[in-house]
Amino acid sequence: MASPLMPKATAVWLIENTALSFEQIAAFCGLHSLEVQAIADGDVSISMVGLDPISSSQLSLEEINRCENDTSARLVLIPPVNADTILGKKRSRYTPVSKRQDRPDAIAWLVKYYPDMTDGQICRLLGTTKPMIKAVKTKTHWNSANIKPRSPVHLGLCVQVELDKTIEKCSHHAIIPDETETAD
């Protein structure tokens, strides 16, 4: 379970302002119940100012009231709200430093075997940039003499399911001539 921001300061505020048990506060803040009891006794964090979890949007007043009424209930942290959680966007793909040198090989493989795949689709699949793709395509990449087309799945830059979905999308966008047309 995720812990709140500044757990000890949050525990200080919860001890001072609620009727929650030490076990409930300890479970929410990720502390030991004896540590919460020491904070309440004044042995630990004597001069620490409490952090209000309601004003910092980590807890709601209804959640605190629910747990005060039921001592076996546990506080649940409100998930942070940002543009990605509202819009449902994925985070940018992170490629470990050790695998970044393999990206040009994967780009070359995709360009060779799937020339109808757009640069944007390659960017999303491999987590690369359009200038990098252009450099590989035009052979102006600084290491173009050593680039060998290799599958991005075998290199570990994507999984087969993602590659298959991207290939399916690019084949749907490909212009397929209509067989009913007659040649002049």
C-alpha atoms as a PDB file:
ATOM      1  CA  MET A   1       0.000   0.000   0.000  1.00  0.00           C
ATOM      2  CA  ALA A   2       1.208   3.520  -0.736  1.00  0.00           C
ATOM      3  CA  SER A   3       2.084   5.636   2.260  1.00  0.00           C
ATOM      4  CA  PRO A   4       1.155   9.300   2.664  1.00  0.00           C
ATOM      5  CA  LEU A   5       3.484  12.183   2.076  1.00  0.00           C
ATOM      6  CA  MET A   6       5.547  12.896   5.225  1.00  0.00           C
ATOM      7  CA  PRO A   7       4.223   9.930   7.251  1.00  0.00           C
ATOM      8  CA  LYS A   8       5.424  11.056  10.704  1.00  0.00           C
ATOM      9  CA  ALA A   9       3.989  14.555  10.312  1.00  0.00           C
ATOM     10  CA  THR A  10       0.726  13.005   9.099  1.00  0.00           C
ATOM     11  CA  ALA A  11       0.741  10.679  12.123  1.00  0.00           C
ATOM     12  CA  VAL A  12       1.234  13.691  14.438  1.00  0.00           C
ATOM     13  CA  TRP A  13      -1.798  15.408  12.893  1.00  0.00           C
ATOM     14  CA  LEU A  14      -3.960  12.270  13.068  1.00  0.00           C
ATOM     15  CA  ILE A  15      -3.039  11.716  16.735  1.00  0.00           C
ATOM     16  CA  GLU A  16      -3.846  15.317  17.653  1.00  0.00           C
ATOM     17  CA  ASN A  17      -7.044  15.716  15.621  1.00  0.00           C
ATOM     18  CA  THR A  18      -8.788  12.343  15.381  1.00  0.00           C
ATOM     19  CA  ALA A  19      -9.972   9.477  17.555  1.00  0.00           C
ATOM     20  CA  LEU A  20      -8.290   6.816  15.409  1.00  0.00           C
ATOM     21  CA  SER A  21      -6.476   3.961  17.130  1.00  0.00           C
ATOM     22  CA  PHE A  22      -2.693   3.747  17.085  1.00  0.00           C
ATOM     23  CA  GLU A  23      -2.928   0.638  14.920  1.00  0.00           C
ATOM     24  CA  GLN A  24      -5.036   2.447  12.309  1.00  0.00           C
ATOM     25  CA  ILE A  25      -2.643   5.398  12.198  1.00  0.00           C
ATOM     26  CA  ALA A  26       0.371   3.084  12.058  1.00  0.00           C
ATOM     27  CA  ALA A  27      -1.125   1.055   9.198  1.00  0.00           C
ATOM     28  CA  PHE A  28      -1.953   4.201   7.208  1.00  0.00           C
ATOM     29  CA  CYS A  29       1.390   5.936   7.768  1.00  0.00           C
ATOM     30  CA  GLY A  30       3.547   2.841   7.368  1.00  0.00           C
ATOM     31  CA  LEU A  31       4.903   3.101  10.907  1.00  0.00           C
ATOM     32  CA  HIS A  32       5.030   0.654  13.809  1.00  0.00           C
ATOM     33  CA  SER A  33       2.244   1.034  16.361  1.00  0.00           C
ATOM     34  CA  LEU A  34       4.818   1.533  19.153  1.00  0.00           C
ATOM     35  CA  GLU A  35       6.315   4.422  17.195  1.00  0.00           C
ATOM     36  CA  VAL A  36       2.861   6.004  16.899  1.00  0.00           C
ATOM     37  CA  GLN A  37       2.377   5.508  20.635  1.00  0.00           C
ATOM     38  CA  ALA A  38       5.781   7.167  21.284  1.00  0.00           C
ATOM     39  CA  ILE A  39       4.695  10.128  19.140  1.00  0.00           C
ATOM     40  CA  ALA A  40       1.463  10.383  21.165  1.00  0.00           C
ATOM     41  CA  ASP A  41       3.394  10.199  24.459  1.00  0.00           C
ATOM     42  CA  GLY A  42       5.712  12.979  23.301  1.00  0.00           C
ATOM     43  CA  ASP A  43       8.853  10.837  23.310  1.00  0.00           C
ATOM     44  CA  VAL A  44       9.372  11.157  19.561  1.00  0.00           C
ATOM     45  CA  SER A  45       8.746  14.108  17.217  1.00  0.00           C
ATOM     46  CA  ILE A  46       8.248  16.571  20.053  1.00  0.00           C
ATOM     47  CA  SER A  47       8.528  19.739  17.976  1.00  0.00           C
ATOM     48  CA  MET A  48       7.198  18.295  14.704  1.00  0.00           C
ATOM     49  CA  VAL A  49       4.314  20.169  13.128  1.00  0.00           C
ATOM     50  CA  GLY A  50       1.512  17.931  11.922  1.00  0.00           C
ATOM     51  CA  LEU A  51       0.592  17.706   8.241  1.00  0.00           C
ATOM     52  CA  ASP A  52      -3.137  17.834   7.557  1.00  0.00           C
ATOM     53  CA  PRO A  53      -3.909  14.929   5.186  1.00  0.00           C
ATOM     54  CA  ILE A  54      -7.315  16.431   4.352  1.00  0.00           C
ATOM     55  CA  SER A  55      -5.931  19.740   3.071  1.00  0.00           C
ATOM     56  CA  SER A  56      -3.203  17.905   1.150  1.00  0.00           C
ATOM     57  CA  SER A  57      -5.892  15.708  -0.515  1.00  0.00           C
ATOM     58  CA  GLN A  58      -4.524  12.461   0.895  1.00  0.00           C
ATOM     59  CA  LEU A  59      -7.613  11.666   2.983  1.00  0.00           C
ATOM     60  CA  SER A  60     -11.222  12.758   3.118  1.00  0.00           C
ATOM     61  CA  LEU A  61     -13.143  13.647   6.261  1.00  0.00           C
ATOM     62  CA  GLU A  62     -15.664  10.909   5.430  1.00  0.00           C
ATOM     63  CA  GLU A  63     -12.843   8.337   5.356  1.00  0.00           C
ATOM     64  CA  ILE A  64     -11.605   9.451   8.787  1.00  0.00           C
ATOM     65  CA  ASN A  65     -15.155   9.327  10.206  1.00  0.00           C
ATOM     66  CA  ARG A  66     -15.705   5.856   8.744  1.00  0.00           C
ATOM     67  CA  CYS A  67     -12.543   4.551  10.416  1.00  0.00           C
ATOM     68  CA  GLU A  68     -13.287   6.298  13.720  1.00  0.00           C
ATOM     69  CA  ASN A  69     -16.638   4.460  13.874  1.00  0.00           C
ATOM     70  CA  ASP A  70     -15.127   1.064  12.975  1.00  0.00           C
ATOM     71  CA  THR A  71     -11.814   0.283  14.720  1.00  0.00           C
ATOM     72  CA  SER A  72     -11.137  -2.671  12.417  1.00  0.00           C
ATOM     73  CA  ALA A  73     -11.345  -0.488   9.274  1.00  0.00           C
ATOM     74  CA  ARG A  74      -8.189   0.853   7.647  1.00  0.00           C
ATOM     75  CA  LEU A  75      -7.694   4.290   6.142  1.00  0.00           C
ATOM     76  CA  VAL A  76      -7.396   4.353   2.359  1.00  0.00           C
ATOM     77  CA  LEU A  77      -5.189   6.938   0.670  1.00  0.00           C
ATOM     78  CA  ILE A  78      -6.879   9.006  -2.052  1.00  0.00           C
ATOM     79  CA  PRO A  79      -5.016   8.412  -5.317  1.00  0.00           C
ATOM     80  CA  PRO A  80      -3.307  11.543  -6.658  1.00  0.00           C
ATOM     81  CA  VAL A  81      -5.159  13.362  -9.421  1.00  0.00           C
ATOM     82  CA  ASN A  82      -3.183  14.613 -12.385  1.00  0.00           C
ATOM     83  CA  ALA A  83      -3.768  15.059 -16.110  1.00  0.00           C
ATOM     84  CA  ASP A  84      -2.707  11.503 -16.891  1.00  0.00           C
ATOM     85  CA  THR A  85      -5.167   9.939 -14.460  1.00  0.00           C
ATOM     86  CA  ILE A  86      -8.021  12.092 -15.773  1.00  0.00           C
ATOM     87  CA  LEU A  87      -7.252  11.686 -19.470  1.00  0.00           C
ATOM     88  CA  GLY A  88      -6.071   8.103 -19.177  1.00  0.00           C
ATOM     89  CA  LYS A  89      -2.791   8.751 -20.931  1.00  0.00           C
ATOM     90  CA  LYS A  90       0.109   6.377 -20.628  1.00  0.00           C
ATOM     91  CA  ARG A  91       3.448   7.538 -19.363  1.00  0.00           C
ATOM     92  CA  SER A  92       6.292   7.834 -21.798  1.00  0.00           C
ATOM     93  CA  ARG A  93       8.162   4.614 -22.372  1.00  0.00           C
ATOM     94  CA  TYR A  94      11.382   4.295 -20.379  1.00  0.00           C
ATOM     95  CA  THR A  95      14.223   2.370 -21.957  1.00  0.00           C
ATOM     96  CA  PRO A  96      17.106   1.366 -19.683  1.00  0.00           C
ATOM     97  CA  VAL A  97      20.476   2.878 -20.536  1.00  0.00           C
ATOM     98  CA  SER A  98      21.897  -0.549 -21.389  1.00  0.00           C
ATOM     99  CA  LYS A  99      19.273  -1.057 -24.126  1.00  0.00           C
ATOM    100  CA  ARG A 100      19.343   2.414 -25.692  1.00  0.00           C
ATOM    101  CA  GLN A 101      22.201   1.435 -27.975  1.00  0.00           C
ATOM    102  CA  ASP A 102      19.911  -1.231 -29.495  1.00  0.00           C
ATOM    103  CA  ARG A 103      17.208   1.229 -30.589  1.00  0.00           C
ATOM    104  CA  PRO A 104      18.771   2.028 -33.998  1.00  0.00           C
ATOM    105  CA  ASP A 105      18.899  -1.706 -34.781  1.00  0.00           C
ATOM    106  CA  ALA A 106      15.215  -2.060 -33.911  1.00  0.00           C
ATOM    107  CA  ILE A 107      14.325   1.011 -35.975  1.00  0.00           C
ATOM    108  CA  ALA A 108      16.218  -0.410 -38.953  1.00  0.00           C
ATOM    109  CA  TRP A 109      14.362  -3.717 -38.579  1.00  0.00           C
ATOM    110  CA  LEU A 110      10.955  -2.031 -38.495  1.00  0.00           C
ATOM    111  CA  VAL A 111      11.801   0.183 -41.475  1.00  0.00           C
ATOM    112  CA  LYS A 112      13.054  -2.825 -43.446  1.00  0.00           C
ATOM    113  CA  TYR A 113      10.186  -5.230 -42.769  1.00  0.00           C
ATOM    114  CA  TYR A 114       7.311  -2.766 -42.247  1.00  0.00           C
ATOM    115  CA  PRO A 115       7.986   0.252 -44.494  1.00  0.00           C
ATOM    116  CA  ASP A 116       4.362   1.398 -44.237  1.00  0.00           C
ATOM    117  CA  MET A 117       4.687   1.883 -40.464  1.00  0.00           C
ATOM    118  CA  THR A 118       4.603   5.600 -39.639  1.00  0.00           C
ATOM    119  CA  ASP A 119       7.308   7.360 -37.665  1.00  0.00           C
ATOM    120  CA  GLY A 120       4.783   8.087 -34.919  1.00  0.00           C
ATOM    121  CA  GLN A 121       3.957   4.412 -34.540  1.00  0.00           C
ATOM    122  CA  ILE A 122       7.658   3.548 -34.324  1.00  0.00           C
ATOM    123  CA  CYS A 123       8.132   6.306 -31.726  1.00  0.00           C
ATOM    124  CA  ARG A 124       5.337   4.923 -29.541  1.00  0.00           C
ATOM    125  CA  LEU A 125       6.473   1.333 -29.935  1.00  0.00           C
ATOM    126  CA  LEU A 126      10.150   1.879 -29.159  1.00  0.00           C
ATOM    127  CA  GLY A 127      10.051   5.080 -27.106  1.00  0.00           C
ATOM    128  CA  THR A 128      12.295   6.936 -29.515  1.00  0.00           C
ATOM    129  CA  THR A 129      12.203  10.240 -31.383  1.00  0.00           C
ATOM    130  CA  LYS A 130      11.444  11.168 -34.989  1.00  0.00           C
ATOM    131  CA  PRO A 131      14.916  12.664 -35.582  1.00  0.00           C
ATOM    132  CA  MET A 132      16.443   9.324 -34.534  1.00  0.00           C
ATOM    133  CA  ILE A 133      14.192   7.472 -36.991  1.00  0.00           C
ATOM    134  CA  LYS A 134      15.066   9.931 -39.760  1.00  0.00           C
ATOM    135  CA  ALA A 135      18.785   9.497 -39.050  1.00  0.00           C
ATOM    136  CA  VAL A 136      18.487   5.718 -39.272  1.00  0.00           C
ATOM    137  CA  LYS A 137      16.398   5.874 -42.468  1.00  0.00           C
ATOM    138  CA  THR A 138      18.750   8.295 -44.228  1.00  0.00           C
ATOM    139  CA  LYS A 139      21.850   6.561 -42.832  1.00  0.00           C
ATOM    140  CA  THR A 140      23.090   9.777 -41.213  1.00  0.00           C
ATOM    141  CA  HIS A 141      23.113   8.238 -37.744  1.00  0.00           C
ATOM    142  CA  TRP A 142      26.541   8.555 -36.118  1.00  0.00           C
ATOM    143  CA  ASN A 143      26.833   4.769 -35.880  1.00  0.00           C
ATOM    144  CA  SER A 144      25.122   3.863 -39.170  1.00  0.00           C
ATOM    145  CA  ALA A 145      28.001   1.606 -40.289  1.00  0.00           C
ATOM    146  CA  ASN A 146      27.333  -0.741 -37.350  1.00  0.00           C
ATOM    147  CA  ILE A 147      23.512  -0.789 -37.429  1.00  0.00           C
ATOM    148  CA  LYS A 148      22.136  -4.260 -38.110  1.00  0.00           C
ATOM    149  CA  PRO A 149      18.350  -4.754 -38.377  1.00  0.00           C
ATOM    150  CA  ARG A 150      17.259  -6.772 -35.335  1.00  0.00           C
ATOM    151  CA  SER A 151      13.800  -7.474 -33.976  1.00  0.00           C
ATOM    152  CA  PRO A 152      12.745  -5.100 -31.164  1.00  0.00           C
ATOM    153  CA  VAL A 153      11.096  -8.042 -29.378  1.00  0.00           C
ATOM    154  CA  HIS A 154      14.360  -9.998 -29.281  1.00  0.00           C
ATOM    155  CA  LEU A 155      16.186  -6.877 -28.124  1.00  0.00           C
ATOM    156  CA  GLY A 156      13.700  -6.441 -25.268  1.00  0.00           C
ATOM    157  CA  LEU A 157      12.495  -3.001 -26.383  1.00  0.00           C
ATOM    158  CA  CYS A 158       8.858  -4.108 -26.678  1.00  0.00           C
ATOM    159  CA  VAL A 159       6.747  -7.216 -26.288  1.00  0.00           C
ATOM    160  CA  GLN A 160       5.295  -9.250 -29.140  1.00  0.00           C
ATOM    161  CA  VAL A 161       1.729  -8.197 -28.320  1.00  0.00           C
ATOM    162  CA  GLU A 162       2.596  -4.506 -28.716  1.00  0.00           C
ATOM    163  CA  LEU A 163       4.403  -5.185 -31.981  1.00  0.00           C
ATOM    164  CA  ASP A 164       1.461  -7.185 -33.329  1.00  0.00           C
ATOM    165  CA  LYS A 165      -1.007  -4.401 -32.430  1.00  0.00           C
ATOM    166  CA  THR A 166       1.160  -1.797 -34.135  1.00  0.00           C
ATOM    167  CA  ILE A 167       1.549  -3.951 -37.248  1.00  0.00           C
ATOM    168  CA  GLU A 168      -2.215  -4.483 -37.335  1.00  0.00           C
ATOM    169  CA  LYS A 169      -2.830  -0.742 -37.057  1.00  0.00           C
ATOM    170  CA  CYS A 170      -0.389   0.104 -39.823  1.00  0.00           C
ATOM    171  CA  SER A 171      -1.894  -2.557 -42.099  1.00  0.00           C
ATOM    172  CA  HIS A 172      -5.363  -1.039 -41.545  1.00  0.00           C
ATOM    173  CA  HIS A 173      -4.075   2.371 -42.569  1.00  0.00           C
ATOM    174  CA  ALA A 174      -2.326   1.058 -45.640  1.00  0.00           C
ATOM    175  CA  ILE A 175      -4.059   1.941 -48.881  1.00  0.00           C
ATOM    176  CA  ILE A 176      -5.285  -1.288 -50.411  1.00  0.00           C
ATOM    177  CA  PRO A 177      -6.376  -0.994 -54.055  1.00  0.00           C
ATOM    178  CA  ASP A 178      -9.976  -1.898 -54.707  1.00  0.00           C
ATOM    179  CA  GLU A 179     -10.214  -5.131 -56.700  1.00  0.00           C
ATOM    180  CA  THR A 180     -13.485  -4.054 -58.321  1.00  0.00           C
ATOM    181  CA  GLU A 181     -11.782  -1.206 -60.193  1.00  0.00           C
ATOM    182  CA  THR A 182     -11.071  -1.980 -63.804  1.00  0.00           C
ATOM    183  CA  ALA A 183      -7.900  -0.998 -65.566  1.00  0.00           C
ATOM    184  CA  ASP A 184      -8.221   1.331 -68.545  1.00  0.00           C
END
